[in-house]
Amino acid sequence: MRSTLNENQVHVDAAKSIKEFHPHCIREVEEAIKNHEWVIVGMRQNPVVAGARKYLTTKNTPFHYIENGGYFSKWKERLAIKLWSGWPTFPQVFHKGVLIGGF
């Protein structure tokens, strides 16, 4: 895992801002990975996301898809998910609750 700041190195006000940065997006992903074997988190207009969805579809593998905007919308929501997962790009593919990466 990549290195992150220790909790005691984050000012209390900064920690509050982090906690309040689009928590509904994080909860949505957490609930999805609890309730579905396969989850893809992505964005509209991204061909790599479309490729991941197509791959699982052609394998007759059911999956839950969460879409957060496109290139010109919801970038903060996507950033919150990236910060939470530690994965820098989309799609983010989860299998049985484990992030396996992109596509």
Protein backbone atom coordinates (compact mmCIF):
# COMPACT_ATOMS: atom_id res chain seq x y z
CA MET A 1 0.00 0.00 0.00
CA ARG A 2 1.08 3.52 -0.61
CA SER A 3 2.20 5.72 2.21
CA THR A 4 -0.37 8.07 3.75
CA LEU A 5 -0.20 10.68 6.47
CA ASN A 6 -0.53 9.43 10.00
CA GLU A 7 -3.79 10.53 11.65
CA ASN A 8 -1.90 12.62 14.20
CA GLN A 9 -0.34 14.59 11.33
CA VAL A 10 -3.74 15.81 10.09
CA HIS A 11 -5.17 18.90 11.72
CA VAL A 12 -8.60 18.38 13.29
CA ASP A 13 -10.22 20.83 10.82
CA ALA A 14 -8.64 19.06 7.86
CA ALA A 15 -9.79 15.69 9.22
CA LYS A 16 -13.34 17.04 9.45
CA SER A 17 -13.19 18.24 5.83
CA ILE A 18 -11.92 14.85 4.71
CA LYS A 19 -14.71 13.07 6.56
CA GLU A 20 -17.34 15.37 5.02
CA PHE A 21 -16.02 15.12 1.42
CA HIS A 22 -18.88 13.38 -0.39
CA PRO A 23 -19.45 10.59 2.15
CA HIS A 24 -22.65 9.54 0.34
CA CYS A 25 -20.53 8.38 -2.60
CA ILE A 26 -18.36 6.25 -0.35
CA ARG A 27 -21.41 4.77 1.41
CA GLU A 28 -22.94 3.87 -1.96
CA VAL A 29 -19.81 1.95 -3.00
CA GLU A 30 -19.48 0.28 0.41
CA GLU A 31 -23.10 -0.89 0.29
CA ALA A 32 -22.71 -2.16 -3.27
CA ILE A 33 -19.59 -4.20 -2.51
CA LYS A 34 -21.35 -5.68 0.53
CA ASN A 35 -24.39 -6.72 -1.50
CA HIS A 36 -22.99 -7.73 -4.90
CA GLU A 37 -20.29 -10.18 -5.93
CA TRP A 38 -19.03 -7.92 -8.73
CA VAL A 39 -19.13 -4.11 -8.68
CA ILE A 40 -17.83 -1.69 -11.28
CA VAL A 41 -17.49 1.97 -10.35
CA GLY A 42 -17.10 4.18 -13.36
CA MET A 43 -18.04 7.20 -15.35
CA ARG A 44 -19.95 8.00 -18.50
CA GLN A 45 -18.09 8.30 -21.83
CA ASN A 46 -15.03 6.39 -20.60
CA PRO A 47 -14.19 3.61 -23.06
CA VAL A 48 -12.22 1.63 -20.48
CA VAL A 49 -15.24 1.55 -18.17
CA ALA A 50 -17.39 0.44 -21.11
CA GLY A 51 -14.84 -2.30 -21.84
CA ALA A 52 -15.01 -3.65 -18.29
CA ARG A 53 -18.81 -3.71 -18.37
CA LYS A 54 -18.80 -5.41 -21.78
CA TYR A 55 -16.29 -8.02 -20.64
CA LEU A 56 -18.37 -9.11 -17.65
CA THR A 57 -21.53 -9.03 -19.77
CA THR A 58 -19.99 -11.31 -22.42
CA LYS A 59 -18.95 -13.71 -19.63
CA ASN A 60 -22.58 -13.72 -18.37
CA THR A 61 -21.29 -12.43 -15.05
CA PRO A 62 -23.85 -10.31 -13.20
CA PHE A 63 -22.47 -7.08 -11.79
CA HIS A 64 -23.64 -3.88 -10.15
CA TYR A 65 -22.59 -0.68 -11.89
CA ILE A 66 -22.22 2.71 -10.21
CA GLU A 67 -21.79 5.66 -12.56
CA ASN A 68 -20.60 9.02 -11.29
CA GLY A 69 -20.93 11.61 -14.03
CA GLY A 70 -18.71 12.04 -17.05
CA TYR A 71 -15.61 13.99 -17.96
CA PHE A 72 -17.31 17.33 -17.25
CA SER A 73 -19.42 16.48 -14.21
CA LYS A 74 -19.17 14.95 -10.73
CA TRP A 75 -15.37 15.03 -10.67
CA LYS A 76 -15.38 15.77 -6.92
CA GLU A 77 -17.53 12.71 -6.25
CA ARG A 78 -15.13 10.57 -8.28
CA LEU A 79 -12.18 12.12 -6.43
CA ALA A 80 -13.74 11.13 -3.10
CA ILE A 81 -13.97 7.52 -4.29
CA LYS A 82 -10.38 7.56 -5.56
CA LEU A 83 -9.13 8.93 -2.24
CA TRP A 84 -11.12 6.29 -0.35
CA SER A 85 -9.97 3.33 -2.46
CA GLY A 86 -6.45 4.49 -3.25
CA TRP A 87 -6.97 3.53 -6.91
CA PRO A 88 -6.21 6.51 -9.19
CA THR A 89 -8.42 5.76 -12.20
CA PHE A 90 -11.75 4.38 -13.37
CA PRO A 91 -13.10 1.82 -13.64
CA GLN A 92 -12.65 0.47 -10.17
CA VAL A 93 -13.58 -3.19 -10.17
CA PHE A 94 -14.44 -5.02 -6.96
CA HIS A 95 -14.92 -8.77 -6.57
CA LYS A 96 -16.38 -10.10 -3.33
CA GLY A 97 -15.62 -6.79 -1.62
CA VAL A 98 -11.97 -6.65 -2.75
CA LEU A 99 -10.63 -4.01 -5.13
CA ILE A 100 -8.99 -5.91 -7.94
CA GLY A 101 -8.06 -2.79 -9.93
CA GLY A 102 -9.20 -1.40 -13.24
CA PHE A 103 -9.74 -3.15 -16.54
